[in-house]
Amino acid sequence: LLDLEVLKEKANRIYSGSTEPKADISLVDFIILEETETHFIWGKKILGKEDVDIAAMIKKLNNSDWVKQGRPFYSVNDGVCPFCQQKTPENFESKLNEYFNETYVNQLKTLNDQKAEYATKTSLLVSEIASLLNSKNDMVDIVRLDELKKMLEMKIEANKGKIEAKIKEPSSTITLDTIKTELDLINELITTAKKKIELHNQTVKNITRESSQLNKEIGR
């Protein structure tokens, strides 16, 4: 015999719910972001070529990023240093170009590419979760899902701030905080909803048999 609470739950499912089947929902896929979160470029100190004679000075002063920021001003300042306003040697610009060589430029490109990747992939994930919220699926704990979405967005914004700091100072290193914890909690919530949907659809499919069986259980 079924106890009273089980009978109540079964009766509610059969008589109080919708008799229309519900569409299944998908888990959120973290794999698309995992490679970007752990990309080597975040922990790479992006520095210029070390065998150029100005490299030793730049390294000693630890001011590679400062020199890089001054390059655009130097290029339009007729060979005058934008910081000290002194005339530089004739070959100074070529040495700067040699220091910030192709490897440096390529690493900067990788950094900016990964910034774009992170923004695109996290935007897709958040949009997917927002769509589930907006669907107002009564099988989903919408309140808890909204809480987790906000937590997720806060962590993503913090990571974007770290990335911007890395772009401003390429010689620095950063570690992105993984959002896997939040996504795992969201997927647990979705898994619970999927089970409810499956049970609901089974009830809808077999509602006549389920109703008859419940009446027999109540009559016992």
C-alpha atoms as a PDB file:
ATOM      1  CA  LEU A   1       0.000   0.000   0.000  1.00  0.00           C
ATOM      2  CA  LEU A   2       1.131   3.534  -0.736  1.00  0.00           C
ATOM      3  CA  ASP A   3       1.295   5.964   2.179  1.00  0.00           C
ATOM      4  CA  LEU A   4      -0.881   9.092   2.255  1.00  0.00           C
ATOM      5  CA  GLU A   5       1.798  11.533   1.096  1.00  0.00           C
ATOM      6  CA  VAL A   6       2.692   9.408  -1.918  1.00  0.00           C
ATOM      7  CA  LEU A   7      -0.989   9.147  -2.829  1.00  0.00           C
ATOM      8  CA  LYS A   8      -1.371  12.933  -2.540  1.00  0.00           C
ATOM      9  CA  GLU A   9       1.638  13.526  -4.787  1.00  0.00           C
ATOM     10  CA  LYS A  10       0.373  11.060  -7.341  1.00  0.00           C
ATOM     11  CA  ALA A  11      -3.126  12.551  -7.310  1.00  0.00           C
ATOM     12  CA  ASN A  12      -1.735  16.044  -7.736  1.00  0.00           C
ATOM     13  CA  ARG A  13       0.358  14.898 -10.664  1.00  0.00           C
ATOM     14  CA  ILE A  14      -2.587  13.220 -12.378  1.00  0.00           C
ATOM     15  CA  TYR A  15      -5.450  15.614 -11.691  1.00  0.00           C
ATOM     16  CA  SER A  16      -3.924  19.024 -10.977  1.00  0.00           C
ATOM     17  CA  GLY A  17      -1.238  19.275 -13.609  1.00  0.00           C
ATOM     18  CA  SER A  18      -1.308  19.949 -17.311  1.00  0.00           C
ATOM     19  CA  THR A  19      -2.285  17.090 -19.550  1.00  0.00           C
ATOM     20  CA  GLU A  20       0.071  18.381 -22.249  1.00  0.00           C
ATOM     21  CA  PRO A  21       3.541  16.812 -22.562  1.00  0.00           C
ATOM     22  CA  LYS A  22       6.479  19.095 -21.761  1.00  0.00           C
ATOM     23  CA  ALA A  23       9.592  19.568 -23.869  1.00  0.00           C
ATOM     24  CA  ASP A  24      12.835  18.275 -22.432  1.00  0.00           C
ATOM     25  CA  ILE A  25      15.542  20.757 -21.425  1.00  0.00           C
ATOM     26  CA  SER A  26      19.304  20.485 -21.942  1.00  0.00           C
ATOM     27  CA  LEU A  27      22.188  20.656 -19.535  1.00  0.00           C
ATOM     28  CA  VAL A  28      24.585  23.593 -19.836  1.00  0.00           C
ATOM     29  CA  ASP A  29      27.813  22.570 -21.581  1.00  0.00           C
ATOM     30  CA  PHE A  30      30.927  23.756 -19.714  1.00  0.00           C
ATOM     31  CA  ILE A  31      33.375  22.085 -22.118  1.00  0.00           C
ATOM     32  CA  ILE A  32      33.128  24.954 -24.619  1.00  0.00           C
ATOM     33  CA  LEU A  33      34.615  27.307 -22.028  1.00  0.00           C
ATOM     34  CA  GLU A  34      37.077  25.061 -20.196  1.00  0.00           C
ATOM     35  CA  GLU A  35      39.860  25.406 -22.767  1.00  0.00           C
ATOM     36  CA  THR A  36      39.579  29.207 -22.727  1.00  0.00           C
ATOM     37  CA  GLU A  37      39.555  29.429 -18.924  1.00  0.00           C
ATOM     38  CA  THR A  38      42.805  27.458 -18.690  1.00  0.00           C
ATOM     39  CA  HIS A  39      44.588  28.885 -21.750  1.00  0.00           C
ATOM     40  CA  PHE A  40      48.347  29.249 -21.310  1.00  0.00           C
ATOM     41  CA  ILE A  41      48.323  32.920 -22.321  1.00  0.00           C
ATOM     42  CA  TRP A  42      46.841  34.054 -18.986  1.00  0.00           C
ATOM     43  CA  GLY A  43      49.916  32.824 -17.131  1.00  0.00           C
ATOM     44  CA  LYS A  44      52.421  33.859 -19.822  1.00  0.00           C
ATOM     45  CA  LYS A  45      54.635  36.872 -19.159  1.00  0.00           C
ATOM     46  CA  ILE A  46      54.574  38.597 -22.537  1.00  0.00           C
ATOM     47  CA  LEU A  47      57.958  40.261 -22.920  1.00  0.00           C
ATOM     48  CA  GLY A  48      60.100  41.512 -25.792  1.00  0.00           C
ATOM     49  CA  LYS A  49      63.150  39.905 -27.346  1.00  0.00           C
ATOM     50  CA  GLU A  50      65.899  39.501 -24.745  1.00  0.00           C
ATOM     51  CA  ASP A  51      69.021  39.663 -26.957  1.00  0.00           C
ATOM     52  CA  VAL A  52      68.463  43.285 -28.042  1.00  0.00           C
ATOM     53  CA  ASP A  53      70.834  45.687 -26.246  1.00  0.00           C
ATOM     54  CA  ILE A  54      67.973  47.713 -24.720  1.00  0.00           C
ATOM     55  CA  ALA A  55      66.408  44.529 -23.307  1.00  0.00           C
ATOM     56  CA  ALA A  56      68.720  44.395 -20.284  1.00  0.00           C
ATOM     57  CA  MET A  57      67.721  47.896 -19.211  1.00  0.00           C
ATOM     58  CA  ILE A  58      64.022  47.221 -19.746  1.00  0.00           C
ATOM     59  CA  LYS A  59      64.273  43.967 -17.806  1.00  0.00           C
ATOM     60  CA  LYS A  60      66.223  45.596 -14.954  1.00  0.00           C
ATOM     61  CA  LEU A  61      63.645  48.354 -14.594  1.00  0.00           C
ATOM     62  CA  ASN A  62      60.798  45.867 -15.099  1.00  0.00           C
ATOM     63  CA  ASN A  63      59.058  48.396 -17.337  1.00  0.00           C
ATOM     64  CA  SER A  64      58.311  46.501 -20.558  1.00  0.00           C
ATOM     65  CA  ASP A  65      54.641  47.491 -20.349  1.00  0.00           C
ATOM     66  CA  TRP A  66      55.531  51.144 -19.714  1.00  0.00           C
ATOM     67  CA  VAL A  67      57.823  51.222 -22.771  1.00  0.00           C
ATOM     68  CA  LYS A  68      55.128  49.554 -24.875  1.00  0.00           C
ATOM     69  CA  GLN A  69      52.586  52.195 -23.847  1.00  0.00           C
ATOM     70  CA  GLY A  70      54.978  54.962 -24.895  1.00  0.00           C
ATOM     71  CA  ARG A  71      55.720  53.555 -28.381  1.00  0.00           C
ATOM     72  CA  PRO A  72      52.745  55.136 -30.198  1.00  0.00           C
ATOM     73  CA  PHE A  73      53.723  58.569 -28.820  1.00  0.00           C
ATOM     74  CA  TYR A  74      57.385  58.075 -29.738  1.00  0.00           C
ATOM     75  CA  SER A  75      56.479  57.166 -33.327  1.00  0.00           C
ATOM     76  CA  VAL A  76      54.805  60.527 -33.908  1.00  0.00           C
ATOM     77  CA  ASN A  77      57.268  62.601 -31.869  1.00  0.00           C
ATOM     78  CA  ASP A  78      60.149  62.894 -34.379  1.00  0.00           C
ATOM     79  CA  GLY A  79      62.578  60.692 -32.469  1.00  0.00           C
ATOM     80  CA  VAL A  80      62.061  62.483 -29.146  1.00  0.00           C
ATOM     81  CA  CYS A  81      61.305  60.373 -26.081  1.00  0.00           C
ATOM     82  CA  PRO A  82      57.705  61.147 -25.008  1.00  0.00           C
ATOM     83  CA  PHE A  83      58.641  60.678 -21.343  1.00  0.00           C
ATOM     84  CA  CYS A  84      61.933  62.589 -20.880  1.00  0.00           C
ATOM     85  CA  GLN A  85      61.636  64.818 -23.990  1.00  0.00           C
ATOM     86  CA  GLN A  86      65.253  64.023 -24.987  1.00  0.00           C
ATOM     87  CA  LYS A  87      66.407  63.161 -28.535  1.00  0.00           C
ATOM     88  CA  THR A  88      67.069  59.442 -28.886  1.00  0.00           C
ATOM     89  CA  PRO A  89      69.838  57.710 -30.901  1.00  0.00           C
ATOM     90  CA  GLU A  90      69.096  57.206 -34.604  1.00  0.00           C
ATOM     91  CA  ASN A  91      68.768  53.438 -34.295  1.00  0.00           C
ATOM     92  CA  PHE A  92      66.577  53.560 -31.184  1.00  0.00           C
ATOM     93  CA  GLU A  93      63.308  52.992 -33.036  1.00  0.00           C
ATOM     94  CA  SER A  94      64.694  49.987 -34.889  1.00  0.00           C
ATOM     95  CA  LYS A  95      65.832  48.541 -31.551  1.00  0.00           C
ATOM     96  CA  LEU A  96      62.354  49.073 -30.142  1.00  0.00           C
ATOM     97  CA  ASN A  97      60.877  47.284 -33.132  1.00  0.00           C
ATOM     98  CA  GLU A  98      63.352  44.469 -32.677  1.00  0.00           C
ATOM     99  CA  TYR A  99      62.549  44.196 -28.962  1.00  0.00           C
ATOM    100  CA  PHE A 100      58.794  44.081 -29.601  1.00  0.00           C
ATOM    101  CA  ASN A 101      59.302  41.443 -32.276  1.00  0.00           C
ATOM    102  CA  GLU A 102      56.961  39.097 -34.134  1.00  0.00           C
ATOM    103  CA  THR A 103      56.768  36.682 -31.205  1.00  0.00           C
ATOM    104  CA  TYR A 104      55.670  39.517 -28.928  1.00  0.00           C
ATOM    105  CA  VAL A 105      53.090  40.705 -31.459  1.00  0.00           C
ATOM    106  CA  ASN A 106      51.759  37.164 -31.944  1.00  0.00           C
ATOM    107  CA  GLN A 107      51.421  36.636 -28.214  1.00  0.00           C
ATOM    108  CA  LEU A 108      49.508  39.891 -27.899  1.00  0.00           C
ATOM    109  CA  LYS A 109      47.223  38.718 -30.684  1.00  0.00           C
ATOM    110  CA  THR A 110      46.642  35.437 -28.854  1.00  0.00           C
ATOM    111  CA  LEU A 111      45.818  37.384 -25.697  1.00  0.00           C
ATOM    112  CA  ASN A 112      43.255  39.541 -27.495  1.00  0.00           C
ATOM    113  CA  ASP A 113      41.820  36.520 -29.318  1.00  0.00           C
ATOM    114  CA  GLN A 114      41.305  34.719 -26.019  1.00  0.00           C
ATOM    115  CA  LYS A 115      39.674  37.804 -24.540  1.00  0.00           C
ATOM    116  CA  ALA A 116      37.158  37.716 -27.402  1.00  0.00           C
ATOM    117  CA  GLU A 117      36.699  33.948 -27.001  1.00  0.00           C
ATOM    118  CA  TYR A 118      35.943  34.313 -23.305  1.00  0.00           C
ATOM    119  CA  ALA A 119      33.431  37.093 -23.923  1.00  0.00           C
ATOM    120  CA  THR A 120      31.661  35.148 -26.689  1.00  0.00           C
ATOM    121  CA  LYS A 121      31.493  31.815 -24.873  1.00  0.00           C
ATOM    122  CA  THR A 122      30.351  33.231 -21.534  1.00  0.00           C
ATOM    123  CA  SER A 123      27.727  35.320 -23.330  1.00  0.00           C
ATOM    124  CA  LEU A 124      26.344  32.164 -24.952  1.00  0.00           C
ATOM    125  CA  LEU A 125      26.201  30.354 -21.609  1.00  0.00           C
ATOM    126  CA  VAL A 126      24.443  33.233 -19.851  1.00  0.00           C
ATOM    127  CA  SER A 127      21.982  33.581 -22.754  1.00  0.00           C
ATOM    128  CA  GLU A 128      21.181  29.881 -22.553  1.00  0.00           C
ATOM    129  CA  ILE A 129      20.413  30.175 -18.832  1.00  0.00           C
ATOM    130  CA  ALA A 130      18.416  33.373 -19.387  1.00  0.00           C
ATOM    131  CA  SER A 131      16.300  31.570 -22.014  1.00  0.00           C
ATOM    132  CA  LEU A 132      15.475  28.842 -19.506  1.00  0.00           C
ATOM    133  CA  LEU A 133      14.507  31.484 -16.936  1.00  0.00           C
ATOM    134  CA  ASN A 134      12.316  33.311 -19.442  1.00  0.00           C
ATOM    135  CA  SER A 135      10.559  30.081 -20.413  1.00  0.00           C
ATOM    136  CA  LYS A 136       8.992  30.053 -16.913  1.00  0.00           C
ATOM    137  CA  ASN A 137       9.072  26.255 -16.979  1.00  0.00           C
ATOM    138  CA  ASP A 138       7.175  25.203 -13.856  1.00  0.00           C
ATOM    139  CA  MET A 139       9.371  22.119 -13.537  1.00  0.00           C
ATOM    140  CA  VAL A 140      12.418  24.330 -12.899  1.00  0.00           C
ATOM    141  CA  ASP A 141      13.235  26.039  -9.602  1.00  0.00           C
ATOM    142  CA  ILE A 142      13.260  29.504 -11.188  1.00  0.00           C
ATOM    143  CA  VAL A 143      14.153  31.378  -7.988  1.00  0.00           C
ATOM    144  CA  ARG A 144      17.251  29.279  -7.351  1.00  0.00           C
ATOM    145  CA  LEU A 145      18.224  29.361 -11.026  1.00  0.00           C
ATOM    146  CA  ASP A 146      18.071  33.157 -11.006  1.00  0.00           C
ATOM    147  CA  GLU A 147      20.304  33.258  -7.902  1.00  0.00           C
ATOM    148  CA  LEU A 148      22.881  31.012  -9.563  1.00  0.00           C
ATOM    149  CA  LYS A 149      22.774  33.056 -12.767  1.00  0.00           C
ATOM    150  CA  LYS A 150      23.597  36.227 -10.810  1.00  0.00           C
ATOM    151  CA  MET A 151      26.492  34.467  -9.038  1.00  0.00           C
ATOM    152  CA  LEU A 152      27.754  33.259 -12.413  1.00  0.00           C
ATOM    153  CA  GLU A 153      27.586  36.742 -13.945  1.00  0.00           C
ATOM    154  CA  MET A 154      29.491  38.275 -11.021  1.00  0.00           C
ATOM    155  CA  LYS A 155      32.348  35.799 -11.449  1.00  0.00           C
ATOM    156  CA  ILE A 156      32.429  36.323 -15.229  1.00  0.00           C
ATOM    157  CA  GLU A 157      32.660  40.104 -14.781  1.00  0.00           C
ATOM    158  CA  ALA A 158      35.492  39.680 -12.272  1.00  0.00           C
ATOM    159  CA  ASN A 159      37.373  37.513 -14.778  1.00  0.00           C
ATOM    160  CA  LYS A 160      36.836  40.095 -17.513  1.00  0.00           C
ATOM    161  CA  GLY A 161      38.416  42.661 -15.206  1.00  0.00           C
ATOM    162  CA  LYS A 162      41.467  40.423 -14.788  1.00  0.00           C
ATOM    163  CA  ILE A 163      41.731  40.021 -18.555  1.00  0.00           C
ATOM    164  CA  GLU A 164      41.619  43.795 -19.090  1.00  0.00           C
ATOM    165  CA  ALA A 165      44.399  44.217 -16.532  1.00  0.00           C
ATOM    166  CA  LYS A 166      46.480  41.591 -18.376  1.00  0.00           C
ATOM    167  CA  ILE A 167      45.971  43.390 -21.691  1.00  0.00           C
ATOM    168  CA  LYS A 168      47.040  46.675 -20.124  1.00  0.00           C
ATOM    169  CA  GLU A 169      50.141  45.017 -18.630  1.00  0.00           C
ATOM    170  CA  PRO A 170      51.020  42.014 -20.830  1.00  0.00           C
ATOM    171  CA  SER A 171      54.010  41.089 -18.650  1.00  0.00           C
ATOM    172  CA  SER A 172      51.670  40.339 -15.727  1.00  0.00           C
ATOM    173  CA  THR A 173      50.114  36.930 -15.107  1.00  0.00           C
ATOM    174  CA  ILE A 174      46.548  36.094 -14.117  1.00  0.00           C
ATOM    175  CA  THR A 175      44.462  33.069 -13.213  1.00  0.00           C
ATOM    176  CA  LEU A 176      40.803  33.064 -14.171  1.00  0.00           C
ATOM    177  CA  ASP A 177      38.340  31.833 -11.555  1.00  0.00           C
ATOM    178  CA  THR A 178      36.494  28.860 -12.998  1.00  0.00           C
ATOM    179  CA  ILE A 179      32.725  29.098 -13.312  1.00  0.00           C
ATOM    180  CA  LYS A 180      32.412  25.298 -13.306  1.00  0.00           C
ATOM    181  CA  THR A 181      31.150  25.309  -9.700  1.00  0.00           C
ATOM    182  CA  GLU A 182      28.185  27.513 -10.577  1.00  0.00           C
ATOM    183  CA  LEU A 183      27.479  25.594 -13.787  1.00  0.00           C
ATOM    184  CA  ASP A 184      27.557  22.283 -11.902  1.00  0.00           C
ATOM    185  CA  LEU A 185      24.938  23.617  -9.465  1.00  0.00           C
ATOM    186  CA  ILE A 186      22.826  24.847 -12.378  1.00  0.00           C
ATOM    187  CA  ASN A 187      23.098  21.444 -14.059  1.00  0.00           C
ATOM    188  CA  GLU A 188      22.044  19.715 -10.826  1.00  0.00           C
ATOM    189  CA  LEU A 189      18.958  21.909 -10.811  1.00  0.00           C
ATOM    190  CA  ILE A 190      18.289  21.150 -14.484  1.00  0.00           C
ATOM    191  CA  THR A 191      18.760  17.402 -13.886  1.00  0.00           C
ATOM    192  CA  THR A 192      16.081  17.534 -11.174  1.00  0.00           C
ATOM    193  CA  ALA A 193      13.763  19.357 -13.574  1.00  0.00           C
ATOM    194  CA  LYS A 194      14.468  16.813 -16.337  1.00  0.00           C
ATOM    195  CA  LYS A 195      13.378  13.987 -14.015  1.00  0.00           C
ATOM    196  CA  LYS A 196      10.157  15.857 -13.216  1.00  0.00           C
ATOM    197  CA  ILE A 197       9.523  16.411 -16.930  1.00  0.00           C
ATOM    198  CA  GLU A 198      10.110  12.727 -17.684  1.00  0.00           C
ATOM    199  CA  LEU A 199       7.718  11.699 -14.908  1.00  0.00           C
ATOM    200  CA  HIS A 200       5.123  14.233 -16.070  1.00  0.00           C
ATOM    201  CA  ASN A 201       5.314  13.014 -19.668  1.00  0.00           C
ATOM    202  CA  GLN A 202       4.970   9.398 -18.555  1.00  0.00           C
ATOM    203  CA  THR A 203       1.872  10.369 -16.562  1.00  0.00           C
ATOM    204  CA  VAL A 204       0.369  12.227 -19.539  1.00  0.00           C
ATOM    205  CA  LYS A 205       1.062   9.257 -21.791  1.00  0.00           C
ATOM    206  CA  ASN A 206      -0.522   6.800 -19.389  1.00  0.00           C
ATOM    207  CA  ILE A 207      -3.034   9.055 -17.656  1.00  0.00           C
ATOM    208  CA  THR A 208      -5.971   6.650 -18.009  1.00  0.00           C
ATOM    209  CA  ARG A 209      -4.034   3.738 -16.545  1.00  0.00           C
ATOM    210  CA  GLU A 210      -2.468   5.940 -13.836  1.00  0.00           C
ATOM    211  CA  SER A 211      -5.899   7.296 -12.846  1.00  0.00           C
ATOM    212  CA  SER A 212      -7.404   3.827 -12.628  1.00  0.00           C
ATOM    213  CA  GLN A 213      -4.477   2.550 -10.569  1.00  0.00           C
ATOM    214  CA  LEU A 214      -4.748   5.514  -8.179  1.00  0.00           C
ATOM    215  CA  ASN A 215      -8.464   4.894  -7.653  1.00  0.00           C
ATOM    216  CA  LYS A 216      -7.702   1.285  -6.739  1.00  0.00           C
ATOM    217  CA  GLU A 217      -5.023   2.414  -4.259  1.00  0.00           C
ATOM    218  CA  ILE A 218      -7.415   4.911  -2.638  1.00  0.00           C
ATOM    219  CA  GLY A 219     -10.130   2.279  -2.402  1.00  0.00           C
ATOM    220  CA  ARG A 220      -7.917  -0.104  -0.449  1.00  0.00           C
END
